[in-house]
Full PDB file with SEQRES, HELIX, SHEET, SSBOND, CRYST1, ORIGX, SCALE, CONECT and MASTER records, all heavy atoms in Angstrom:
SEQRES   1 A   32  MET SER VAL ALA VAL GLY ALA SER LEU PRO PHE LEU THR          
SEQRES   2 A   32  PRO ILE GLY HIS GLN SER ASN VAL LEU VAL MET GLY PRO          
SEQRES   3 A   32  GLY GLY TYR ARG PHE GLN                                      
HELIX    1 AA1 SER A    2  ALA A    7  1                                   6    
HELIX    2 AA2 GLN A   18  GLY A   27  1                                  10    
CRYST1    1.000    1.000    1.000  90.00  90.00  90.00 P 1           1          
ORIGX1      1.000000  0.000000  0.000000        0.00000                         
ORIGX2      0.000000  1.000000  0.000000        0.00000                         
ORIGX3      0.000000  0.000000  1.000000        0.00000                         
SCALE1      1.000000  0.000000  0.000000        0.00000                         
SCALE2      0.000000  1.000000  0.000000        0.00000                         
SCALE3      0.000000  0.000000  1.000000        0.00000                         
ATOM      1  N   MET A   1      67.839   0.576  41.111  1.00  0.00           N  
ATOM      2  CA  MET A   1      67.485  -0.846  41.187  1.00  0.00           C  
ATOM      3  C   MET A   1      68.304  -1.666  40.208  1.00  0.00           C  
ATOM      4  O   MET A   1      68.673  -2.805  40.493  1.00  0.00           O  
ATOM      5  CB  MET A   1      65.989  -1.046  40.936  1.00  0.00           C  
ATOM      6  CG  MET A   1      65.125  -0.606  42.104  1.00  0.00           C  
ATOM      7  SD  MET A   1      65.641  -1.268  43.704  1.00  0.00           S  
ATOM      8  CE  MET A   1      65.483  -3.002  43.444  1.00  0.00           C  
ATOM      9  N   SER A   2      68.633  -1.087  39.051  1.00  0.00           N  
ATOM     10  CA  SER A   2      69.482  -1.819  38.105  1.00  0.00           C  
ATOM     11  C   SER A   2      70.883  -2.001  38.685  1.00  0.00           C  
ATOM     12  O   SER A   2      71.522  -3.034  38.447  1.00  0.00           O  
ATOM     13  CB  SER A   2      69.524  -1.112  36.750  1.00  0.00           C  
ATOM     14  OG  SER A   2      70.239   0.101  36.817  1.00  0.00           O  
ATOM     15  N   VAL A   3      71.345  -1.039  39.477  1.00  0.00           N  
ATOM     16  CA  VAL A   3      72.632  -1.202  40.167  1.00  0.00           C  
ATOM     17  C   VAL A   3      72.530  -2.307  41.207  1.00  0.00           C  
ATOM     18  O   VAL A   3      73.409  -3.169  41.301  1.00  0.00           O  
ATOM     19  CB  VAL A   3      73.084   0.129  40.814  1.00  0.00           C  
ATOM     20  CG1 VAL A   3      74.251  -0.084  41.759  1.00  0.00           C  
ATOM     21  CG2 VAL A   3      73.448   1.147  39.746  1.00  0.00           C  
ATOM     22  N   ALA A   4      71.457  -2.312  41.977  1.00  0.00           N  
ATOM     23  CA  ALA A   4      71.288  -3.334  43.011  1.00  0.00           C  
ATOM     24  C   ALA A   4      71.208  -4.733  42.401  1.00  0.00           C  
ATOM     25  O   ALA A   4      71.852  -5.672  42.893  1.00  0.00           O  
ATOM     26  CB  ALA A   4      70.024  -3.050  43.833  1.00  0.00           C  
ATOM     27  N   VAL A   5      70.467  -4.869  41.320  1.00  0.00           N  
ATOM     28  CA  VAL A   5      70.348  -6.170  40.668  1.00  0.00           C  
ATOM     29  C   VAL A   5      71.684  -6.560  40.039  1.00  0.00           C  
ATOM     30  O   VAL A   5      72.165  -7.689  40.193  1.00  0.00           O  
ATOM     31  CB  VAL A   5      69.210  -6.156  39.623  1.00  0.00           C  
ATOM     32  CG1 VAL A   5      69.223  -7.405  38.771  1.00  0.00           C  
ATOM     33  CG2 VAL A   5      67.865  -5.991  40.313  1.00  0.00           C  
ATOM     34  N   GLY A   6      72.295  -5.633  39.323  1.00  0.00           N  
ATOM     35  CA  GLY A   6      73.569  -5.929  38.656  1.00  0.00           C  
ATOM     36  C   GLY A   6      74.678  -6.289  39.619  1.00  0.00           C  
ATOM     37  O   GLY A   6      75.499  -7.171  39.335  1.00  0.00           O  
ATOM     38  N   ALA A   7      74.699  -5.643  40.773  1.00  0.00           N  
ATOM     39  CA  ALA A   7      75.737  -5.945  41.757  1.00  0.00           C  
ATOM     40  C   ALA A   7      75.551  -7.321  42.386  1.00  0.00           C  
ATOM     41  O   ALA A   7      76.512  -7.904  42.893  1.00  0.00           O  
ATOM     42  CB  ALA A   7      75.748  -4.881  42.851  1.00  0.00           C  
ATOM     43  N   SER A   8      74.343  -7.832  42.312  1.00  0.00           N  
ATOM     44  CA  SER A   8      74.091  -9.148  42.918  1.00  0.00           C  
ATOM     45  C   SER A   8      74.252 -10.293  41.919  1.00  0.00           C  
ATOM     46  O   SER A   8      73.902 -11.430  42.228  1.00  0.00           O  
ATOM     47  CB  SER A   8      72.701  -9.176  43.525  1.00  0.00           C  
ATOM     48  OG  SER A   8      71.720  -9.065  42.519  1.00  0.00           O  
ATOM     49  N   LEU A   9      74.811 -10.020  40.741  1.00  0.00           N  
ATOM     50  CA  LEU A   9      74.917 -11.045  39.705  1.00  0.00           C  
ATOM     51  C   LEU A   9      76.353 -11.305  39.239  1.00  0.00           C  
ATOM     52  O   LEU A   9      76.618 -11.340  38.043  1.00  0.00           O  
ATOM     53  CB  LEU A   9      74.078 -10.626  38.485  1.00  0.00           C  
ATOM     54  CG  LEU A   9      72.594 -10.390  38.739  1.00  0.00           C  
ATOM     55  CD1 LEU A   9      71.926  -9.817  37.500  1.00  0.00           C  
ATOM     56  CD2 LEU A   9      71.918 -11.664  39.162  1.00  0.00           C  
ATOM     57  N   PRO A  10      77.278 -11.543  40.138  1.00  0.00           N  
ATOM     58  CA  PRO A  10      78.648 -11.832  39.680  1.00  0.00           C  
ATOM     59  C   PRO A  10      78.829 -13.309  39.338  1.00  0.00           C  
ATOM     60  O   PRO A  10      79.447 -14.068  40.078  1.00  0.00           O  
ATOM     61  CB  PRO A  10      79.505 -11.419  40.880  1.00  0.00           C  
ATOM     62  CG  PRO A  10      78.637 -11.711  42.057  1.00  0.00           C  
ATOM     63  CD  PRO A  10      77.219 -11.428  41.593  1.00  0.00           C  
ATOM     64  N   PHE A  11      78.271 -13.713  38.212  1.00  0.00           N  
ATOM     65  CA  PHE A  11      78.295 -15.121  37.833  1.00  0.00           C  
ATOM     66  C   PHE A  11      79.459 -15.489  36.926  1.00  0.00           C  
ATOM     67  O   PHE A  11      79.689 -16.662  36.655  1.00  0.00           O  
ATOM     68  CB  PHE A  11      77.008 -15.488  37.080  1.00  0.00           C  
ATOM     69  CG  PHE A  11      75.745 -15.271  37.853  1.00  0.00           C  
ATOM     70  CD1 PHE A  11      74.630 -14.746  37.224  1.00  0.00           C  
ATOM     71  CD2 PHE A  11      75.656 -15.588  39.195  1.00  0.00           C  
ATOM     72  CE1 PHE A  11      73.448 -14.550  37.926  1.00  0.00           C  
ATOM     73  CE2 PHE A  11      74.499 -15.401  39.903  1.00  0.00           C  
ATOM     74  CZ  PHE A  11      73.382 -14.876  39.263  1.00  0.00           C  
ATOM     75  N   LEU A  12      80.188 -14.514  36.403  1.00  0.00           N  
ATOM     76  CA  LEU A  12      81.171 -14.791  35.360  1.00  0.00           C  
ATOM     77  C   LEU A  12      82.569 -15.130  35.859  1.00  0.00           C  
ATOM     78  O   LEU A  12      83.361 -15.685  35.107  1.00  0.00           O  
ATOM     79  CB  LEU A  12      81.257 -13.605  34.392  1.00  0.00           C  
ATOM     80  CG  LEU A  12      79.957 -13.247  33.682  1.00  0.00           C  
ATOM     81  CD1 LEU A  12      80.156 -12.022  32.806  1.00  0.00           C  
ATOM     82  CD2 LEU A  12      79.446 -14.412  32.868  1.00  0.00           C  
ATOM     83  N   THR A  13      82.880 -14.755  37.084  1.00  0.00           N  
ATOM     84  CA  THR A  13      84.213 -15.029  37.628  1.00  0.00           C  
ATOM     85  C   THR A  13      84.093 -15.530  39.061  1.00  0.00           C  
ATOM     86  O   THR A  13      83.126 -15.224  39.754  1.00  0.00           O  
ATOM     87  CB  THR A  13      85.104 -13.763  37.631  1.00  0.00           C  
ATOM     88  OG1 THR A  13      84.544 -12.802  38.523  1.00  0.00           O  
ATOM     89  CG2 THR A  13      85.260 -13.183  36.248  1.00  0.00           C  
ATOM     90  N   PRO A  14      85.099 -16.255  39.523  1.00  0.00           N  
ATOM     91  CA  PRO A  14      85.062 -16.706  40.913  1.00  0.00           C  
ATOM     92  C   PRO A  14      85.380 -15.594  41.906  1.00  0.00           C  
ATOM     93  O   PRO A  14      85.067 -15.730  43.087  1.00  0.00           O  
ATOM     94  CB  PRO A  14      86.122 -17.801  40.962  1.00  0.00           C  
ATOM     95  CG  PRO A  14      87.026 -17.522  39.836  1.00  0.00           C  
ATOM     96  CD  PRO A  14      86.193 -16.859  38.783  1.00  0.00           C  
ATOM     97  N   ILE A  15      85.948 -14.489  41.451  1.00  0.00           N  
ATOM     98  CA  ILE A  15      86.320 -13.432  42.396  1.00  0.00           C  
ATOM     99  C   ILE A  15      85.221 -12.413  42.620  1.00  0.00           C  
ATOM    100  O   ILE A  15      85.354 -11.527  43.447  1.00  0.00           O  
ATOM    101  CB  ILE A  15      87.614 -12.700  41.946  1.00  0.00           C  
ATOM    102  CG1 ILE A  15      87.419 -12.045  40.583  1.00  0.00           C  
ATOM    103  CG2 ILE A  15      88.789 -13.628  41.971  1.00  0.00           C  
ATOM    104  CD1 ILE A  15      88.569 -11.169  40.158  1.00  0.00           C  
ATOM    105  N   GLY A  16      84.107 -12.522  41.900  1.00  0.00           N  
ATOM    106  CA  GLY A  16      83.031 -11.559  42.025  1.00  0.00           C  
ATOM    107  C   GLY A  16      82.289 -11.633  43.354  1.00  0.00           C  
ATOM    108  O   GLY A  16      81.791 -10.632  43.840  1.00  0.00           O  
ATOM    109  N   HIS A  17      82.206 -12.804  43.919  1.00  0.00           N  
ATOM    110  CA  HIS A  17      81.488 -12.967  45.186  1.00  0.00           C  
ATOM    111  C   HIS A  17      82.172 -14.035  46.013  1.00  0.00           C  
ATOM    112  O   HIS A  17      82.741 -14.980  45.482  1.00  0.00           O  
ATOM    113  CB  HIS A  17      80.020 -13.342  44.925  1.00  0.00           C  
ATOM    114  CG  HIS A  17      79.171 -13.198  46.141  1.00  0.00           C  
ATOM    115  ND1 HIS A  17      78.967 -14.238  47.019  1.00  0.00           N  
ATOM    116  CD2 HIS A  17      78.481 -12.150  46.633  1.00  0.00           C  
ATOM    117  CE1 HIS A  17      78.183 -13.830  48.000  1.00  0.00           C  
ATOM    118  NE2 HIS A  17      77.874 -12.558  47.785  1.00  0.00           N  
ATOM    119  N   GLN A  18      82.059 -13.873  47.323  1.00  0.00           N  
ATOM    120  CA  GLN A  18      82.724 -14.787  48.248  1.00  0.00           C  
ATOM    121  C   GLN A  18      82.296 -16.234  48.038  1.00  0.00           C  
ATOM    122  O   GLN A  18      83.107 -17.148  48.096  1.00  0.00           O  
ATOM    123  CB  GLN A  18      82.437 -14.386  49.698  1.00  0.00           C  
ATOM    124  CG  GLN A  18      82.812 -12.993  50.060  1.00  0.00           C  
ATOM    125  CD  GLN A  18      81.713 -11.974  49.808  1.00  0.00           C  
ATOM    126  OE1 GLN A  18      81.059 -11.982  48.782  1.00  0.00           O  
ATOM    127  NE2 GLN A  18      81.523 -11.066  50.745  1.00  0.00           N  
ATOM    128  N   SER A  19      81.020 -16.457  47.801  1.00  0.00           N  
ATOM    129  CA  SER A  19      80.533 -17.830  47.650  1.00  0.00           C  
ATOM    130  C   SER A  19      81.111 -18.487  46.394  1.00  0.00           C  
ATOM    131  O   SER A  19      81.347 -19.696  46.389  1.00  0.00           O  
ATOM    132  CB  SER A  19      79.011 -17.860  47.624  1.00  0.00           C  
ATOM    133  OG  SER A  19      78.514 -17.072  46.565  1.00  0.00           O  
ATOM    134  N   ASN A  20      81.340 -17.706  45.346  1.00  0.00           N  
ATOM    135  CA  ASN A  20      81.968 -18.263  44.140  1.00  0.00           C  
ATOM    136  C   ASN A  20      83.366 -18.775  44.459  1.00  0.00           C  
ATOM    137  O   ASN A  20      83.772 -19.841  43.993  1.00  0.00           O  
ATOM    138  CB  ASN A  20      82.074 -17.212  43.040  1.00  0.00           C  
ATOM    139  CG  ASN A  20      80.733 -16.778  42.504  1.00  0.00           C  
ATOM    140  OD1 ASN A  20      79.694 -17.259  42.914  1.00  0.00           O  
ATOM    141  ND2 ASN A  20      80.756 -15.857  41.576  1.00  0.00           N  
ATOM    142  N   VAL A  21      84.111 -17.996  45.231  1.00  0.00           N  
ATOM    143  CA  VAL A  21      85.479 -18.374  45.580  1.00  0.00           C  
ATOM    144  C   VAL A  21      85.476 -19.584  46.510  1.00  0.00           C  
ATOM    145  O   VAL A  21      86.303 -20.489  46.371  1.00  0.00           O  
ATOM    146  CB  VAL A  21      86.213 -17.193  46.243  1.00  0.00           C  
ATOM    147  CG1 VAL A  21      87.604 -17.583  46.668  1.00  0.00           C  
ATOM    148  CG2 VAL A  21      86.281 -16.014  45.292  1.00  0.00           C  
ATOM    149  N   LEU A  22      84.553 -19.602  47.440  1.00  0.00           N  
ATOM    150  CA  LEU A  22      84.529 -20.672  48.436  1.00  0.00           C  
ATOM    151  C   LEU A  22      84.235 -22.036  47.829  1.00  0.00           C  
ATOM    152  O   LEU A  22      84.723 -23.047  48.320  1.00  0.00           O  
ATOM    153  CB  LEU A  22      83.517 -20.351  49.532  1.00  0.00           C  
ATOM    154  CG  LEU A  22      83.878 -19.169  50.430  1.00  0.00           C  
ATOM    155  CD1 LEU A  22      82.735 -18.857  51.390  1.00  0.00           C  
ATOM    156  CD2 LEU A  22      85.151 -19.449  51.198  1.00  0.00           C  
ATOM    157  N   VAL A  23      83.446 -22.087  46.761  1.00  0.00           N  
ATOM    158  CA  VAL A  23      83.129 -23.383  46.155  1.00  0.00           C  
ATOM    159  C   VAL A  23      84.117 -23.777  45.062  1.00  0.00           C  
ATOM    160  O   VAL A  23      84.101 -24.914  44.601  1.00  0.00           O  
ATOM    161  CB  VAL A  23      81.693 -23.416  45.585  1.00  0.00           C  
ATOM    162  CG1 VAL A  23      80.674 -23.184  46.672  1.00  0.00           C  
ATOM    163  CG2 VAL A  23      81.524 -22.446  44.439  1.00  0.00           C  
ATOM    164  N   MET A  24      84.976 -22.871  44.662  1.00  0.00           N  
ATOM    165  CA  MET A  24      85.900 -23.149  43.562  1.00  0.00           C  
ATOM    166  C   MET A  24      86.840 -24.311  43.875  1.00  0.00           C  
ATOM    167  O   MET A  24      86.942 -25.258  43.092  1.00  0.00           O  
ATOM    168  CB  MET A  24      86.701 -21.895  43.214  1.00  0.00           C  
ATOM    169  CG  MET A  24      87.568 -22.050  42.006  1.00  0.00           C  
ATOM    170  SD  MET A  24      88.351 -20.489  41.622  1.00  0.00           S  
ATOM    171  CE  MET A  24      89.238 -20.931  40.159  1.00  0.00           C  
ATOM    172  N   GLY A  25      87.516 -24.245  44.995  1.00  0.00           N  
ATOM    173  CA  GLY A  25      88.466 -25.295  45.363  1.00  0.00           C  
ATOM    174  C   GLY A  25      87.800 -26.625  45.654  1.00  0.00           C  
ATOM    175  O   GLY A  25      88.109 -27.644  45.004  1.00  0.00           O  
ATOM    176  N   PRO A  26      86.854 -26.672  46.601  1.00  0.00           N  
ATOM    177  CA  PRO A  26      86.213 -27.944  46.918  1.00  0.00           C  
ATOM    178  C   PRO A  26      85.429 -28.552  45.744  1.00  0.00           C  
ATOM    179  O   PRO A  26      85.342 -29.756  45.607  1.00  0.00           O  
ATOM    180  CB  PRO A  26      85.256 -27.599  48.064  1.00  0.00           C  
ATOM    181  CG  PRO A  26      85.804 -26.368  48.664  1.00  0.00           C  
ATOM    182  CD  PRO A  26      86.463 -25.616  47.538  1.00  0.00           C  
ATOM    183  N   GLY A  27      84.890 -27.701  44.871  1.00  0.00           N  
ATOM    184  CA  GLY A  27      84.127 -28.207  43.734  1.00  0.00           C  
ATOM    185  C   GLY A  27      84.990 -28.599  42.551  1.00  0.00           C  
ATOM    186  O   GLY A  27      84.498 -29.187  41.587  1.00  0.00           O  
ATOM    187  N   GLY A  28      86.273 -28.250  42.601  1.00  0.00           N  
ATOM    188  CA  GLY A  28      87.172 -28.568  41.502  1.00  0.00           C  
ATOM    189  C   GLY A  28      86.928 -27.719  40.267  1.00  0.00           C  
ATOM    190  O   GLY A  28      87.244 -28.130  39.153  1.00  0.00           O  
ATOM    191  N   TYR A  29      86.370 -26.518  40.463  1.00  0.00           N  
ATOM    192  CA  TYR A  29      86.078 -25.648  39.332  1.00  0.00           C  
ATOM    193  C   TYR A  29      87.328 -24.903  38.887  1.00  0.00           C  
ATOM    194  O   TYR A  29      88.216 -24.631  39.671  1.00  0.00           O  
ATOM    195  CB  TYR A  29      85.002 -24.621  39.707  1.00  0.00           C  
ATOM    196  CG  TYR A  29      83.700 -25.234  40.109  1.00  0.00           C  
ATOM    197  CD1 TYR A  29      83.130 -24.959  41.342  1.00  0.00           C  
ATOM    198  CD2 TYR A  29      83.009 -26.074  39.250  1.00  0.00           C  
ATOM    199  CE1 TYR A  29      81.934 -25.521  41.716  1.00  0.00           C  
ATOM    200  CE2 TYR A  29      81.812 -26.643  39.626  1.00  0.00           C  
ATOM    201  CZ  TYR A  29      81.278 -26.353  40.858  1.00  0.00           C  
ATOM    202  OH  TYR A  29      80.090 -26.914  41.218  1.00  0.00           O  
ATOM    203  N   ARG A  30      87.361 -24.564  37.611  1.00  0.00           N  
ATOM    204  CA  ARG A  30      88.400 -23.716  37.060  1.00  0.00           C  
ATOM    205  C   ARG A  30      87.788 -22.356  36.746  1.00  0.00           C  
ATOM    206  O   ARG A  30      86.565 -22.213  36.703  1.00  0.00           O  
ATOM    207  CB  ARG A  30      88.973 -24.339  35.786  1.00  0.00           C  
ATOM    208  CG  ARG A  30      89.640 -25.692  36.024  1.00  0.00           C  
ATOM    209  CD  ARG A  30      90.186 -26.265  34.740  1.00  0.00           C  
ATOM    210  NE  ARG A  30      89.252 -26.094  33.633  1.00  0.00           N  
ATOM    211  CZ  ARG A  30      88.543 -27.073  33.069  1.00  0.00           C  
ATOM    212  NH1 ARG A  30      88.650 -28.299  33.514  1.00  0.00           N  
ATOM    213  NH2 ARG A  30      87.721 -26.832  32.072  1.00  0.00           N  
ATOM    214  N   PHE A  31      88.638 -21.379  36.524  1.00  0.00           N  
ATOM    215  CA  PHE A  31      88.160 -20.017  36.261  1.00  0.00           C  
ATOM    216  C   PHE A  31      87.179 -19.989  35.098  1.00  0.00           C  
ATOM    217  O   PHE A  31      86.132 -19.350  35.167  1.00  0.00           O  
ATOM    218  CB  PHE A  31      89.363 -19.106  35.964  1.00  0.00           C  
ATOM    219  CG  PHE A  31      89.079 -17.651  36.108  1.00  0.00           C  
ATOM    220  CD1 PHE A  31      89.263 -17.016  37.325  1.00  0.00           C  
ATOM    221  CD2 PHE A  31      88.616 -16.907  35.038  1.00  0.00           C  
ATOM    222  CE1 PHE A  31      88.999 -15.668  37.471  1.00  0.00           C  
ATOM    223  CE2 PHE A  31      88.363 -15.560  35.172  1.00  0.00           C  
ATOM    224  CZ  PHE A  31      88.549 -14.936  36.395  1.00  0.00           C  
ATOM    225  N   GLN A  32      87.471 -20.688  34.015  1.00  0.00           N  
ATOM    226  CA  GLN A  32      86.618 -20.667  32.826  1.00  0.00           C  
ATOM    227  C   GLN A  32      85.299 -21.391  33.021  1.00  0.00           C  
ATOM    228  O   GLN A  32      84.363 -21.182  32.241  1.00  0.00           O  
ATOM    229  CB  GLN A  32      87.362 -21.187  31.598  1.00  0.00           C  
ATOM    230  CG  GLN A  32      87.794 -22.624  31.691  1.00  0.00           C  
ATOM    231  CD  GLN A  32      89.204 -22.788  32.222  1.00  0.00           C  
ATOM    232  OE1 GLN A  32      89.741 -21.899  32.883  1.00  0.00           O  
ATOM    233  NE2 GLN A  32      89.807 -23.932  31.965  1.00  0.00           N  
TER     234      GLN A  32                                                      
MASTER        0    0    0    2    0    0    0    6  233    1    0    3          
END                                                                             
């Protein structure tokens, strides 16, 4: 369960999850 929870928490980079990458350009976000 810690693996399942940990895998669902890619909040630190835009490449961790598809949704992070998808909002990066339109939202004007930078990597940091």
